[in-house]
Protein backbone atom coordinates (compact mmCIF):
# COMPACT_ATOMS: atom_id res chain seq x y z
CA MET A 1 0.00 0.00 0.00
CA LYS A 2 2.87 2.36 0.77
CA LYS A 3 4.21 1.83 -2.75
CA LEU A 4 0.82 2.69 -4.22
CA PHE A 5 0.68 5.79 -2.05
CA PHE A 6 4.08 7.00 -3.24
CA ILE A 7 3.06 6.34 -6.86
CA ALA A 8 -0.06 8.45 -6.34
CA ILE A 9 1.96 11.29 -4.82
CA PHE A 10 4.49 11.12 -7.67
CA LEU A 11 1.79 11.26 -10.33
CA PHE A 12 -0.01 14.09 -8.58
CA THR A 13 3.23 16.06 -8.33
CA PHE A 14 4.10 15.30 -11.96
CA VAL A 15 0.78 16.70 -13.14
CA LEU A 16 0.65 19.65 -10.77
CA THR A 17 4.21 20.93 -11.14
CA PRO A 18 4.12 22.06 -14.81
CA SER A 19 0.82 23.88 -14.31
CA THR A 20 2.05 25.55 -11.13
CA THR A 21 5.32 26.58 -12.73
CA LEU A 22 3.52 27.95 -15.74
CA ALA A 23 1.11 29.90 -13.57
CA GLN A 24 4.02 31.40 -11.63
CA SER A 25 5.72 32.34 -14.89
CA ILE A 26 2.63 34.11 -16.16
CA THR A 27 1.06 35.61 -13.06
CA GLY A 28 3.92 35.74 -10.60
CA THR A 29 6.47 37.50 -12.76
CA GLN A 30 5.61 40.19 -15.25
CA SER A 31 7.35 39.83 -18.59
CA PRO A 32 9.61 42.74 -19.50
CA VAL A 33 8.11 45.22 -21.93
CA SER A 34 11.01 44.65 -24.31
CA SER A 35 10.21 40.94 -24.39
CA ASP A 36 6.56 41.68 -25.13
CA ASN A 37 7.53 44.08 -27.91
CA HIS A 38 9.93 41.55 -29.42
CA THR A 39 7.26 38.85 -29.35
CA ALA A 40 4.66 41.19 -30.86
CA SER A 41 7.11 42.11 -33.62
CA GLU A 42 7.72 38.44 -34.46
CA GLU A 43 3.99 37.76 -34.46
CA GLN A 44 3.45 40.60 -36.92
CA GLU A 45 6.30 39.44 -39.14
CA GLY A 46 4.88 35.92 -39.11
CA LYS A 47 1.44 37.24 -40.02
CA GLU A 48 2.84 39.05 -43.03
CA ILE A 49 4.53 35.87 -44.25
CA TRP A 50 1.37 33.84 -43.65
CA ASP A 51 -0.73 36.36 -45.58
CA LYS A 52 1.70 36.20 -48.50
CA LEU A 53 1.59 32.40 -48.45
CA GLN A 54 -2.19 32.51 -48.50
CA ALA A 55 -2.15 35.00 -51.36
CA LYS A 56 0.37 32.84 -53.30
CA GLN A 57 2.86 35.71 -53.23
CA LEU A 58 5.28 33.35 -51.49
CA GLU A 59 5.81 29.60 -51.77
CA CYS A 60 7.08 27.19 -49.15
CA LYS A 61 10.30 26.68 -51.10
CA ASP A 62 11.05 30.39 -50.69
CA LEU A 63 10.99 30.27 -46.89
CA THR A 64 14.00 30.02 -44.59
CA ASN A 65 14.13 28.69 -41.05
CA ASP A 66 13.94 32.26 -39.80
CA ASN A 67 10.70 32.68 -41.74
CA TYR A 68 9.31 29.47 -40.27
CA ALA A 69 10.33 30.59 -36.78
CA VAL A 70 8.27 33.78 -36.99
CA LEU A 71 5.43 31.82 -38.58
CA GLY A 72 5.52 29.59 -35.50
CA GLU A 73 5.43 32.68 -33.31
CA TYR A 74 2.40 33.93 -35.23
CA PHE A 75 0.46 30.66 -34.91
CA MET A 76 1.34 30.42 -31.24
CA GLY A 77 0.32 34.01 -30.59
CA GLN A 78 -2.98 33.59 -32.42
CA SER A 79 -3.90 30.56 -30.34
CA ILE A 80 -2.92 32.09 -27.00
CA GLY A 81 -4.54 35.41 -27.86
CA ASP A 82 -2.37 37.51 -25.56
CA THR A 83 1.14 38.78 -26.32
CA GLN A 84 2.22 38.95 -22.69
CA ARG A 85 1.21 35.34 -22.04
CA HIS A 86 2.89 34.36 -25.29
CA ALA A 87 6.13 36.06 -24.19
CA ALA A 88 5.93 34.37 -20.78
CA MET A 89 5.50 30.98 -22.41
CA ASN A 90 8.45 31.64 -24.71
CA GLN A 91 10.59 32.39 -21.66
CA MET A 92 9.46 29.18 -20.03
CA MET A 93 10.17 27.18 -23.18
CA SER A 94 13.64 28.71 -23.30
CA ARG A 95 14.31 27.66 -19.70
CA MET A 96 13.02 24.14 -20.28
CA MET A 97 14.46 23.49 -23.72
CA GLY A 98 17.28 26.01 -24.10
CA GLU A 99 17.28 28.86 -26.62
CA GLU A 100 18.09 26.58 -29.54
CA GLY A 101 15.34 24.15 -28.52
CA GLU A 102 12.81 26.96 -28.27
CA GLU A 103 13.83 28.30 -31.68
CA GLN A 104 13.58 24.84 -33.23
CA MET A 105 10.16 24.35 -31.66
CA HIS A 106 8.88 27.51 -33.33
CA ILE A 107 10.41 26.45 -36.64
CA THR A 108 8.61 23.12 -36.36
CA MET A 109 5.34 24.88 -35.58
CA GLY A 110 5.82 27.15 -38.57
CA LYS A 111 6.54 24.27 -40.95
CA ARG A 112 3.77 21.99 -39.74
CA LEU A 113 0.99 24.46 -39.09
CA SER A 114 1.57 26.27 -42.38
CA GLY A 115 1.32 22.94 -44.17
CA CYS A 116 4.73 23.41 -45.78
CA ASP A 117 6.31 20.43 -44.02
CA THR A 118 3.90 18.35 -41.95
CA SER A 119 6.66 15.85 -41.17
CA ALA A 120 9.03 18.37 -39.57
CA GLN A 121 10.59 16.76 -36.53
CA VAL A 122 9.56 17.95 -33.08
CA PRO A 123 12.64 18.56 -30.87
CA GLN A 124 13.11 15.75 -28.38
CA SER A 125 13.03 18.25 -25.53
CA GLY A 126 9.71 19.57 -26.80
CA TRP A 127 7.61 16.44 -26.35
CA GLY A 128 7.08 17.00 -22.65
CA PHE A 129 6.05 20.58 -23.33
CA MET A 130 3.27 19.73 -25.81
CA PRO A 131 0.50 18.90 -23.26
CA MET A 132 1.14 22.22 -21.54
CA MET A 133 0.91 24.06 -24.85
CA TRP A 134 -2.37 22.28 -25.48
CA MET A 135 -3.79 23.54 -22.17
CA MET A 136 -2.66 27.12 -22.78
CA GLY A 137 -4.76 27.71 -25.88
CA GLY A 138 -6.60 31.02 -25.58
CA GLY A 139 -10.38 30.99 -25.25
CA GLY A 140 -10.39 27.26 -24.63
CA ASN A 141 -8.93 26.55 -28.05
CA SER A 142 -5.99 24.27 -28.52
CA MET A 143 -2.69 25.90 -29.30
CA MET A 144 -2.50 23.30 -32.00
CA GLY A 145 -5.08 25.08 -34.10
CA TYR A 146 -4.69 25.36 -37.86
CA GLY A 147 -5.12 21.62 -38.24
CA GLY A 148 -4.80 20.52 -34.60
CA TRP A 149 -2.58 17.86 -33.16
CA GLY A 150 -2.70 15.98 -36.44
CA ASN A 151 -0.78 18.72 -38.25
CA MET A 152 1.52 19.64 -35.40
CA MET A 153 2.51 16.17 -34.29
CA GLY A 154 2.11 14.26 -37.54
CA TRP A 155 0.76 10.78 -38.10
CA GLY A 156 3.49 9.22 -35.97
CA PHE A 157 2.13 11.07 -32.97
CA GLY A 158 -1.34 9.79 -33.76
CA ILE A 159 -0.27 6.26 -32.87
CA LEU A 160 2.53 6.60 -30.33
CA GLY A 161 1.42 9.88 -28.82
CA TRP A 162 -2.17 8.87 -28.21
CA LEU A 163 -0.99 5.54 -26.81
CA PHE A 164 1.24 7.43 -24.40
CA MET A 165 -1.61 9.73 -23.41
CA ILE A 166 -3.93 6.76 -22.76
CA ILE A 167 -1.31 5.00 -20.64
CA PHE A 168 -0.62 8.24 -18.78
CA GLY A 169 -4.34 8.70 -18.12
CA VAL A 170 -4.64 5.14 -16.79
CA LEU A 171 -1.67 5.72 -14.48
CA ILE A 172 -3.29 8.89 -13.16
CA ILE A 173 -6.53 7.03 -12.44
CA LEU A 174 -4.67 4.19 -10.71
CA GLY A 175 -2.73 6.72 -8.67
CA VAL A 176 -5.91 8.46 -7.53
CA VAL A 177 -7.55 5.13 -6.65
CA ALA A 178 -4.45 4.11 -4.68
CA LEU A 179 -4.49 7.41 -2.82
CA ILE A 180 -8.18 7.04 -1.94
CA ARG A 181 -7.63 3.48 -0.71
CA TYR A 182 -4.69 4.59 1.37
CA LEU A 183 -6.61 7.43 2.97
CA GLY A 184 -9.56 5.12 3.60
CA SER A 185 -7.44 2.50 5.32
CA SER A 186 -5.30 4.93 7.31
CA GLY A 187 -8.08 5.38 9.85
CA LYS A 188 -8.37 1.63 10.35
CA SER A 189 -4.65 1.21 10.87
CA GLY A 190 -4.98 2.92 14.22
CA ASP A 191 -7.06 0.01 15.52
CA LYS A 192 -4.25 -2.43 14.75
CA GLU A 193 -1.92 -0.53 17.06
CA LYS A 194 -4.31 -0.73 20.05
CA THR A 195 -4.22 -3.54 22.59
CA PRO A 196 -7.19 -5.93 22.87
CA LEU A 197 -8.04 -4.42 26.26
CA GLU A 198 -8.17 -0.90 24.81
CA ILE A 199 -10.43 -2.07 22.02
CA LEU A 200 -12.64 -3.83 24.56
CA LYS A 201 -12.92 -0.64 26.62
CA GLU A 202 -13.89 1.32 23.51
CA ARG A 203 -16.60 -1.19 22.68
CA TYR A 204 -17.95 -0.93 26.22
CA ALA A 205 -17.85 2.87 26.09
CA LYS A 206 -19.78 2.85 22.83
CA GLY A 207 -22.41 0.56 24.28
CA GLU A 208 -21.63 -2.31 21.97
CA ILE A 209 -21.38 -4.67 24.97
CA ASN A 210 -22.89 -4.52 28.47
CA LYS A 211 -21.00 -4.51 31.76
CA LYS A 212 -21.36 -8.25 32.28
CA GLU A 213 -19.95 -9.02 28.84
CA PHE A 214 -17.19 -6.49 29.41
CA GLU A 215 -16.14 -8.12 32.70
CA GLU A 216 -16.24 -11.61 31.21
CA GLU A 217 -14.14 -10.70 28.20
CA LYS A 218 -11.79 -8.72 30.40
CA LYS A 219 -11.17 -11.81 32.52
CA GLU A 220 -10.49 -13.85 29.40
CA LEU A 221 -7.91 -11.32 28.25
CA ALA A 222 -6.27 -11.34 31.64
């Protein structure tokens, strides 16, 4: 039971920590104005490229990684719907994945969500960040808009990723069940530590047995 309890605590901590950290990054620390301005500038640049792609003024073959990076910033900003939150998430991504990892993540977003390269590889350090990005979509929308998880993660994610998510969900449920069972049995464990005489006295005090029965059972214990 102790093992199950520790598993439950581990799973609870695993789920809670990213959300708590993200909340602290967004609400606990205000992003610098310069960071907000830089993010807004990249969003605007990405929008211009996206508009040109839509208007056939640009083709995918004309784009560089820098272009895809700002496209990723644009898609991310559109889904979050708030530049300050977008900047805060970028800072968190940079801390979790490193500056190069964050840049590569935006490039991947730009390639996949624009439809230019739906098989662009997600950085290895970015897989753990994807569920958090999903939860941060503005207005209840997934950050993986413009085609959803299918476009962002590709067909390979459809099989392996969903399998991982199902297994993860089952582990969470098992952890919660284990925690409930532990809490339910913790009260009973106290009875095991009491002596038979103490238990007998409690039964008598509760009126479960009369005085005669109490005296008889007391003699037997003695």
